[in-house]
Amino acid sequence: MSKKYLLGLPIAVFAMAPAVGAIDAAPAQAGVPTYTCNAQTWAGETLPTLTVEAKYSKRQAIGEAQTNWRGTAKYSTIDCQLNK
C-alpha cells in the first residue's frame, strides 16, 4: 500500500515544481527599489559607489553595501540614498 504513495509522490512534486517557480518569480519582477551607496574605508579613503537592490528598507541597503565592500567600509560612514 505504501508503494503506491511513494511512486506517486515524486511525480506530483515534479508536476508542481514549474508552477511554484512561476509564482515565486512574479513578485520579484515588481520593481525592487535601488539605492546608491557611498562610504569610506577605515583609513578615510573613499570607496567606489555601489548600486544595490533592497526590497524592504534603507537599513537593508546599507547591509547589502557593506557585504559588497567585504568589510573594508567603516559602517558609520555608509550612506545610501534611494534612487527615483
PDB file of N, CA and C in Angstrom:
ATOM      1  N   MET A   1       0.817  -1.193   0.000  1.00  0.00           N
ATOM      2  CA  MET A   1       0.000   0.000   0.000  1.00  0.00           C
ATOM      3  C   MET A   1       0.865   1.263   0.000  1.00  0.00           C
ATOM      4  N   SER A   2       1.935   1.279   0.757  1.00  0.00           N
ATOM      5  CA  SER A   2       2.785   2.459   0.804  1.00  0.00           C
ATOM      6  C   SER A   2       3.565   2.644  -0.497  1.00  0.00           C
ATOM      7  N   LYS A   3       3.747   1.574  -1.256  1.00  0.00           N
ATOM      8  CA  LYS A   3       4.463   1.688  -2.515  1.00  0.00           C
ATOM      9  C   LYS A   3       3.711   2.548  -3.517  1.00  0.00           C
ATOM     10  N   LYS A   4       2.407   2.510  -3.484  1.00  0.00           N
ATOM     11  CA  LYS A   4       1.618   3.340  -4.391  1.00  0.00           C
ATOM     12  C   LYS A   4       1.846   4.820  -4.082  1.00  0.00           C
ATOM     13  N   TYR A   5       1.876   5.176  -2.810  1.00  0.00           N
ATOM     14  CA  TYR A   5       2.081   6.569  -2.430  1.00  0.00           C
ATOM     15  C   TYR A   5       3.497   7.035  -2.759  1.00  0.00           C
ATOM     16  N   LEU A   6       4.478   6.212  -2.492  1.00  0.00           N
ATOM     17  CA  LEU A   6       5.855   6.596  -2.756  1.00  0.00           C
ATOM     18  C   LEU A   6       6.122   6.758  -4.252  1.00  0.00           C
ATOM     19  N   LEU A   7       5.488   5.973  -5.068  1.00  0.00           N
ATOM     20  CA  LEU A   7       5.660   6.097  -6.507  1.00  0.00           C
ATOM     21  C   LEU A   7       4.990   7.368  -7.030  1.00  0.00           C
ATOM     22  N   GLY A   8       3.850   7.708  -6.506  1.00  0.00           N
ATOM     23  CA  GLY A   8       3.122   8.884  -6.967  1.00  0.00           C
ATOM     24  C   GLY A   8       3.684  10.193  -6.439  1.00  0.00           C
ATOM     25  N   LEU A   9       4.378  10.173  -5.318  1.00  0.00           N
ATOM     26  CA  LEU A   9       4.895  11.391  -4.708  1.00  0.00           C
ATOM     27  C   LEU A   9       5.908  12.119  -5.584  1.00  0.00           C
ATOM     28  N   PRO A  10       6.936  11.455  -6.101  1.00  0.00           N
ATOM     29  CA  PRO A  10       7.886  12.193  -6.952  1.00  0.00           C
ATOM     30  C   PRO A  10       7.238  12.787  -8.202  1.00  0.00           C
ATOM     31  N   ILE A  11       6.280  12.088  -8.770  1.00  0.00           N
ATOM     32  CA  ILE A  11       5.604  12.592  -9.961  1.00  0.00           C
ATOM     33  C   ILE A  11       4.827  13.861  -9.614  1.00  0.00           C
ATOM     34  N   ALA A  12       4.163  13.860  -8.469  1.00  0.00           N
ATOM     35  CA  ALA A  12       3.410  15.039  -8.043  1.00  0.00           C
ATOM     36  C   ALA A  12       4.338  16.212  -7.745  1.00  0.00           C
ATOM     37  N   VAL A  13       5.478  15.959  -7.142  1.00  0.00           N
ATOM     38  CA  VAL A  13       6.431  17.024  -6.825  1.00  0.00           C
ATOM     39  C   VAL A  13       6.979  17.639  -8.110  1.00  0.00           C
ATOM     40  N   PHE A  14       7.374  16.816  -9.080  1.00  0.00           N
ATOM     41  CA  PHE A  14       7.893  17.347 -10.334  1.00  0.00           C
ATOM     42  C   PHE A  14       6.815  18.074 -11.129  1.00  0.00           C
ATOM     43  N   ALA A  15       5.585  17.634 -11.024  1.00  0.00           N
ATOM     44  CA  ALA A  15       4.497  18.286 -11.746  1.00  0.00           C
ATOM     45  C   ALA A  15       4.229  19.679 -11.186  1.00  0.00           C
ATOM     46  N   MET A  16       4.409  19.871  -9.886  1.00  0.00           N
ATOM     47  CA  MET A  16       4.139  21.159  -9.254  1.00  0.00           C
ATOM     48  C   MET A  16       5.336  22.109  -9.300  1.00  0.00           C
ATOM     49  N   ALA A  17       6.530  21.626  -9.526  1.00  0.00           N
ATOM     50  CA  ALA A  17       7.737  22.451  -9.482  1.00  0.00           C
ATOM     51  C   ALA A  17       7.685  23.662 -10.425  1.00  0.00           C
ATOM     52  N   PRO A  18       7.302  23.533 -11.686  1.00  0.00           N
ATOM     53  CA  PRO A  18       7.254  24.724 -12.535  1.00  0.00           C
ATOM     54  C   PRO A  18       6.217  25.742 -12.075  1.00  0.00           C
ATOM     55  N   ALA A  19       5.112  25.293 -11.560  1.00  0.00           N
ATOM     56  CA  ALA A  19       4.076  26.218 -11.098  1.00  0.00           C
ATOM     57  C   ALA A  19       4.557  26.997  -9.886  1.00  0.00           C
ATOM     58  N   VAL A  20       5.255  26.353  -8.971  1.00  0.00           N
ATOM     59  CA  VAL A  20       5.765  27.040  -7.788  1.00  0.00           C
ATOM     60  C   VAL A  20       6.834  28.040  -8.186  1.00  0.00           C
ATOM     61  N   GLY A  21       7.689  27.690  -9.121  1.00  0.00           N
ATOM     62  CA  GLY A  21       8.715  28.610  -9.584  1.00  0.00           C
ATOM     63  C   GLY A  21       8.134  29.842 -10.255  1.00  0.00           C
ATOM     64  N   ALA A  22       7.065  29.682 -10.991  1.00  0.00           N
ATOM     65  CA  ALA A  22       6.424  30.815 -11.656  1.00  0.00           C
ATOM     66  C   ALA A  22       5.769  31.736 -10.638  1.00  0.00           C
ATOM     67  N   ILE A  23       5.229  31.191  -9.589  1.00  0.00           N
ATOM     68  CA  ILE A  23       4.596  32.008  -8.551  1.00  0.00           C
ATOM     69  C   ILE A  23       5.652  32.812  -7.810  1.00  0.00           C
ATOM     70  N   ASP A  24       6.788  32.227  -7.489  1.00  0.00           N
ATOM     71  CA  ASP A  24       7.847  32.925  -6.777  1.00  0.00           C
ATOM     72  C   ASP A  24       8.503  33.997  -7.641  1.00  0.00           C
ATOM     73  N   ALA A  25       8.590  33.784  -8.935  1.00  0.00           N
ATOM     74  CA  ALA A  25       9.271  34.725  -9.810  1.00  0.00           C
ATOM     75  C   ALA A  25       8.450  35.986 -10.059  1.00  0.00           C
ATOM     76  N   ALA A  26       7.150  35.904 -10.016  1.00  0.00           N
ATOM     77  CA  ALA A  26       6.304  37.052 -10.332  1.00  0.00           C
ATOM     78  C   ALA A  26       6.502  38.229  -9.379  1.00  0.00           C
ATOM     79  N   PRO A  27       6.488  38.067  -8.055  1.00  0.00           N
ATOM     80  CA  PRO A  27       6.677  39.223  -7.192  1.00  0.00           C
ATOM     81  C   PRO A  27       8.069  39.845  -7.304  1.00  0.00           C
ATOM     82  N   ALA A  28       9.076  39.078  -7.649  1.00  0.00           N
ATOM     83  CA  ALA A  28      10.426  39.615  -7.755  1.00  0.00           C
ATOM     84  C   ALA A  28      10.544  40.612  -8.904  1.00  0.00           C
ATOM     85  N   GLN A  29       9.695  40.530  -9.887  1.00  0.00           N
ATOM     86  CA  GLN A  29       9.741  41.432 -11.022  1.00  0.00           C
ATOM     87  C   GLN A  29       8.961  42.722 -10.767  1.00  0.00           C
ATOM     88  N   ALA A  30       8.436  42.893  -9.586  1.00  0.00           N
ATOM     89  CA  ALA A  30       7.566  44.018  -9.286  1.00  0.00           C
ATOM     90  C   ALA A  30       8.331  45.292  -8.947  1.00  0.00           C
ATOM     91  N   GLY A  31       9.549  45.475  -9.416  1.00  0.00           N
ATOM     92  CA  GLY A  31      10.271  46.722  -9.227  1.00  0.00           C
ATOM     93  C   GLY A  31      10.865  46.878  -7.840  1.00  0.00           C
ATOM     94  N   VAL A  32      11.940  46.198  -7.560  1.00  0.00           N
ATOM     95  CA  VAL A  32      12.619  46.319  -6.280  1.00  0.00           C
ATOM     96  C   VAL A  32      13.348  47.659  -6.249  1.00  0.00           C
ATOM     97  N   PRO A  33      13.199  48.435  -5.167  1.00  0.00           N
ATOM     98  CA  PRO A  33      13.877  49.734  -5.080  1.00  0.00           C
ATOM     99  C   PRO A  33      15.405  49.584  -5.101  1.00  0.00           C
ATOM    100  N   THR A  34      16.079  50.529  -5.744  1.00  0.00           N
ATOM    101  CA  THR A  34      17.539  50.523  -5.770  1.00  0.00           C
ATOM    102  C   THR A  34      18.061  51.717  -4.974  1.00  0.00           C
ATOM    103  N   TYR A  35      19.230  51.528  -4.387  1.00  0.00           N
ATOM    104  CA  TYR A  35      19.886  52.557  -3.586  1.00  0.00           C
ATOM    105  C   TYR A  35      21.298  52.755  -4.103  1.00  0.00           C
ATOM    106  N   THR A  36      21.771  53.988  -4.069  1.00  0.00           N
ATOM    107  CA  THR A  36      23.152  54.311  -4.387  1.00  0.00           C
ATOM    108  C   THR A  36      23.872  54.563  -3.069  1.00  0.00           C
ATOM    109  N   CYS A  37      24.971  53.831  -2.860  1.00  0.00           N
ATOM    110  CA  CYS A  37      25.656  53.888  -1.575  1.00  0.00           C
ATOM    111  C   CYS A  37      27.101  54.351  -1.728  1.00  0.00           C
ATOM    112  N   ASN A  38      27.529  55.180  -0.784  1.00  0.00           N
ATOM    113  CA  ASN A  38      28.899  55.670  -0.701  1.00  0.00           C
ATOM    114  C   ASN A  38      29.415  55.408   0.702  1.00  0.00           C
ATOM    115  N   ALA A  39      30.741  55.272   0.836  1.00  0.00           N
ATOM    116  CA  ALA A  39      31.337  55.055   2.154  1.00  0.00           C
ATOM    117  C   ALA A  39      32.833  55.329   2.086  1.00  0.00           C
ATOM    118  N   GLN A  40      33.442  55.287   3.260  1.00  0.00           N
ATOM    119  CA  GLN A  40      34.883  55.446   3.377  1.00  0.00           C
ATOM    120  C   GLN A  40      35.473  54.221   4.056  1.00  0.00           C
ATOM    121  N   THR A  41      36.755  53.974   3.779  1.00  0.00           N
ATOM    122  CA  THR A  41      37.457  52.889   4.459  1.00  0.00           C
ATOM    123  C   THR A  41      37.849  53.363   5.854  1.00  0.00           C
ATOM    124  N   TRP A  42      38.409  52.454   6.630  1.00  0.00           N
ATOM    125  CA  TRP A  42      38.877  52.810   7.974  1.00  0.00           C
ATOM    126  C   TRP A  42      40.022  53.808   7.899  1.00  0.00           C
ATOM    127  N   ALA A  43      40.719  53.850   6.777  1.00  0.00           N
ATOM    128  CA  ALA A  43      41.826  54.796   6.600  1.00  0.00           C
ATOM    129  C   ALA A  43      41.345  56.154   6.079  1.00  0.00           C
ATOM    130  N   GLY A  44      40.060  56.278   5.774  1.00  0.00           N
ATOM    131  CA  GLY A  44      39.499  57.537   5.309  1.00  0.00           C
ATOM    132  C   GLY A  44      39.428  57.677   3.802  1.00  0.00           C
ATOM    133  N   GLU A  45      39.787  56.640   3.060  1.00  0.00           N
ATOM    134  CA  GLU A  45      39.715  56.687   1.602  1.00  0.00           C
ATOM    135  C   GLU A  45      38.281  56.445   1.144  1.00  0.00           C
ATOM    136  N   THR A  46      37.885  57.088   0.058  1.00  0.00           N
ATOM    137  CA  THR A  46      36.544  56.923  -0.476  1.00  0.00           C
ATOM    138  C   THR A  46      36.461  55.644  -1.294  1.00  0.00           C
ATOM    139  N   LEU A  47      35.441  54.850  -1.012  1.00  0.00           N
ATOM    140  CA  LEU A  47      35.211  53.608  -1.758  1.00  0.00           C
ATOM    141  C   LEU A  47      34.386  53.899  -3.005  1.00  0.00           C
ATOM    142  N   PRO A  48      34.467  53.030  -4.021  1.00  0.00           N
ATOM    143  CA  PRO A  48      33.649  53.243  -5.226  1.00  0.00           C
ATOM    144  C   PRO A  48      32.162  53.166  -4.906  1.00  0.00           C
ATOM    145  N   THR A  49      31.385  53.954  -5.605  1.00  0.00           N
ATOM    146  CA  THR A  49      29.940  53.994  -5.407  1.00  0.00           C
ATOM    147  C   THR A  49      29.317  52.674  -5.848  1.00  0.00           C
ATOM    148  N   LEU A  50      28.356  52.204  -5.041  1.00  0.00           N
ATOM    149  CA  LEU A  50      27.637  50.966  -5.353  1.00  0.00           C
ATOM    150  C   LEU A  50      26.166  51.265  -5.565  1.00  0.00           C
ATOM    151  N   THR A  51      25.546  50.478  -6.402  1.00  0.00           N
ATOM    152  CA  THR A  51      24.093  50.497  -6.544  1.00  0.00           C
ATOM    153  C   THR A  51      23.602  49.125  -6.115  1.00  0.00           C
ATOM    154  N   VAL A  52      22.749  49.110  -5.090  1.00  0.00           N
ATOM    155  CA  VAL A  52      22.249  47.847  -4.551  1.00  0.00           C
ATOM    156  C   VAL A  52      20.723  47.845  -4.572  1.00  0.00           C
ATOM    157  N   GLU A  53      20.144  46.653  -4.603  1.00  0.00           N
ATOM    158  CA  GLU A  53      18.698  46.491  -4.517  1.00  0.00           C
ATOM    159  C   GLU A  53      18.339  46.093  -3.092  1.00  0.00           C
ATOM    160  N   ALA A  54      17.339  46.747  -2.539  1.00  0.00           N
ATOM    161  CA  ALA A  54      16.879  46.424  -1.197  1.00  0.00           C
ATOM    162  C   ALA A  54      15.357  46.482  -1.191  1.00  0.00           C
ATOM    163  N   LYS A  55      14.762  45.354  -0.985  1.00  0.00           N
ATOM    164  CA  LYS A  55      13.312  45.239  -1.080  1.00  0.00           C
ATOM    165  C   LYS A  55      12.597  45.925   0.090  1.00  0.00           C
ATOM    166  N   TYR A  56      13.222  45.929   1.279  1.00  0.00           N
ATOM    167  CA  TYR A  56      12.491  46.348   2.469  1.00  0.00           C
ATOM    168  C   TYR A  56      12.825  47.735   3.002  1.00  0.00           C
ATOM    169  N   SER A  57      14.109  48.104   3.060  1.00  0.00           N
ATOM    170  CA  SER A  57      14.418  49.382   3.706  1.00  0.00           C
ATOM    171  C   SER A  57      15.829  49.862   3.373  1.00  0.00           C
ATOM    172  N   LYS A  58      16.101  51.085   3.813  1.00  0.00           N
ATOM    173  CA  LYS A  58      17.425  51.673   3.661  1.00  0.00           C
ATOM    174  C   LYS A  58      18.439  50.894   4.497  1.00  0.00           C
ATOM    175  N   ARG A  59      18.010  50.419   5.646  1.00  0.00           N
ATOM    176  CA  ARG A  59      18.898  49.642   6.510  1.00  0.00           C
ATOM    177  C   ARG A  59      19.370  48.360   5.806  1.00  0.00           C
ATOM    178  N   GLN A  60      18.473  47.725   5.071  1.00  0.00           N
ATOM    179  CA  GLN A  60      18.839  46.543   4.301  1.00  0.00           C
ATOM    180  C   GLN A  60      19.845  46.920   3.216  1.00  0.00           C
ATOM    181  N   ALA A  61      19.658  48.073   2.586  1.00  0.00           N
ATOM    182  CA  ALA A  61      20.585  48.535   1.550  1.00  0.00           C
ATOM    183  C   ALA A  61      21.977  48.761   2.137  1.00  0.00           C
ATOM    184  N   ILE A  62      22.046  49.315   3.324  1.00  0.00           N
ATOM    185  CA  ILE A  62      23.336  49.530   3.981  1.00  0.00           C
ATOM    186  C   ILE A  62      24.021  48.195   4.243  1.00  0.00           C
ATOM    187  N   GLY A  63      23.270  47.221   4.692  1.00  0.00           N
ATOM    188  CA  GLY A  63      23.829  45.889   4.928  1.00  0.00           C
ATOM    189  C   GLY A  63      24.328  45.233   3.651  1.00  0.00           C
ATOM    190  N   GLU A  64      23.569  45.389   2.563  1.00  0.00           N
ATOM    191  CA  GLU A  64      23.986  44.833   1.267  1.00  0.00           C
ATOM    192  C   GLU A  64      25.276  45.507   0.787  1.00  0.00           C
ATOM    193  N   ALA A  65      25.347  46.816   0.941  1.00  0.00           N
ATOM    194  CA  ALA A  65      26.543  47.547   0.516  1.00  0.00           C
ATOM    195  C   ALA A  65      27.752  47.111   1.339  1.00  0.00           C
ATOM    196  N   GLN A  66      27.572  46.975   2.637  1.00  0.00           N
ATOM    197  CA  GLN A  66      28.670  46.545   3.495  1.00  0.00           C
ATOM    198  C   GLN A  66      29.174  45.160   3.081  1.00  0.00           C
ATOM    199  N   THR A  67      28.250  44.287   2.732  1.00  0.00           N
ATOM    200  CA  THR A  67      28.628  42.951   2.269  1.00  0.00           C
ATOM    201  C   THR A  67      29.399  43.030   0.956  1.00  0.00           C
ATOM    202  N   ASN A  68      28.964  43.872   0.036  1.00  0.00           N
ATOM    203  CA  ASN A  68      29.652  44.008  -1.257  1.00  0.00           C
ATOM    204  C   ASN A  68      31.049  44.607  -1.104  1.00  0.00           C
ATOM    205  N   TRP A  69      31.224  45.503  -0.138  1.00  0.00           N
ATOM    206  CA  TRP A  69      32.543  46.083   0.110  1.00  0.00           C
ATOM    207  C   TRP A  69      33.416  45.142   0.938  1.00  0.00           C
ATOM    208  N   ARG A  70      32.873  44.013   1.364  1.00  0.00           N
ATOM    209  CA  ARG A  70      33.596  42.951   2.067  1.00  0.00           C
ATOM    210  C   ARG A  70      34.315  43.425   3.318  1.00  0.00           C
ATOM    211  N   GLY A  71      33.651  44.272   4.099  1.00  0.00           N
ATOM    212  CA  GLY A  71      34.204  44.673   5.385  1.00  0.00           C
ATOM    213  C   GLY A  71      35.232  45.787   5.334  1.00  0.00           C
ATOM    214  N   THR A  72      35.528  46.340   4.161  1.00  0.00           N
ATOM    215  CA  THR A  72      36.508  47.423   4.091  1.00  0.00           C
ATOM    216  C   THR A  72      35.883  48.771   4.434  1.00  0.00           C
ATOM    217  N   ALA A  73      34.563  48.870   4.408  1.00  0.00           N
ATOM    218  CA  ALA A  73      33.883  50.133   4.694  1.00  0.00           C
ATOM    219  C   ALA A  73      33.666  50.292   6.197  1.00  0.00           C
ATOM    220  N   LYS A  74      33.904  51.498   6.670  1.00  0.00           N
ATOM    221  CA  LYS A  74      33.582  51.821   8.053  1.00  0.00           C
ATOM    222  C   LYS A  74      32.065  52.016   8.110  1.00  0.00           C
ATOM    223  N   TYR A  75      31.390  51.212   8.937  1.00  0.00           N
ATOM    224  CA  TYR A  75      29.922  51.160   8.923  1.00  0.00           C
ATOM    225  C   TYR A  75      29.291  52.536   9.136  1.00  0.00           C
ATOM    226  N   SER A  76      29.859  53.336  10.023  1.00  0.00           N
ATOM    227  CA  SER A  76      29.255  54.636  10.335  1.00  0.00           C
ATOM    228  C   SER A  76      29.335  55.620   9.163  1.00  0.00           C
ATOM    229  N   THR A  77      30.160  55.328   8.155  1.00  0.00           N
ATOM    230  CA  THR A  77      30.272  56.239   7.014  1.00  0.00           C
ATOM    231  C   THR A  77      29.425  55.823   5.823  1.00  0.00           C
ATOM    232  N   ILE A  78      28.763  54.682   5.901  1.00  0.00           N
ATOM    233  CA  ILE A  78      27.955  54.219   4.768  1.00  0.00           C
ATOM    234  C   ILE A  78      26.708  55.079   4.651  1.00  0.00           C
ATOM    235  N   ASP A  79      26.509  55.647   3.469  1.00  0.00           N
ATOM    236  CA  ASP A  79      25.339  56.490   3.205  1.00  0.00           C
ATOM    237  C   ASP A  79      24.665  55.989   1.939  1.00  0.00           C
ATOM    238  N   CYS A  80      23.421  55.547   2.069  1.00  0.00           N
ATOM    239  CA  CYS A  80      22.653  55.046   0.927  1.00  0.00           C
ATOM    240  C   CYS A  80      21.455  55.958   0.672  1.00  0.00           C
ATOM    241  N   GLN A  81      21.261  56.317  -0.592  1.00  0.00           N
ATOM    242  CA  GLN A  81      20.152  57.163  -0.994  1.00  0.00           C
ATOM    243  C   GLN A  81      19.275  56.393  -1.981  1.00  0.00           C
ATOM    244  N   LEU A  82      17.973  56.515  -1.809  1.00  0.00           N
ATOM    245  CA  LEU A  82      17.015  55.851  -2.682  1.00  0.00           C
ATOM    246  C   LEU A  82      17.040  56.486  -4.067  1.00  0.00           C
ATOM    247  N   ASN A  83      17.171  55.655  -5.103  1.00  0.00           N
ATOM    248  CA  ASN A  83      17.113  56.128  -6.496  1.00  0.00           C
ATOM    249  C   ASN A  83      15.656  56.252  -6.905  1.00  0.00           C
ATOM    250  N   LYS A  84      15.347  57.301  -7.615  1.00  0.00           N
ATOM    251  CA  LYS A  84      13.965  57.519  -8.034  1.00  0.00           C
ATOM    252  C   LYS A  84      13.823  57.406  -9.518  1.00  0.00           C
TER     253      LYS A  84
END
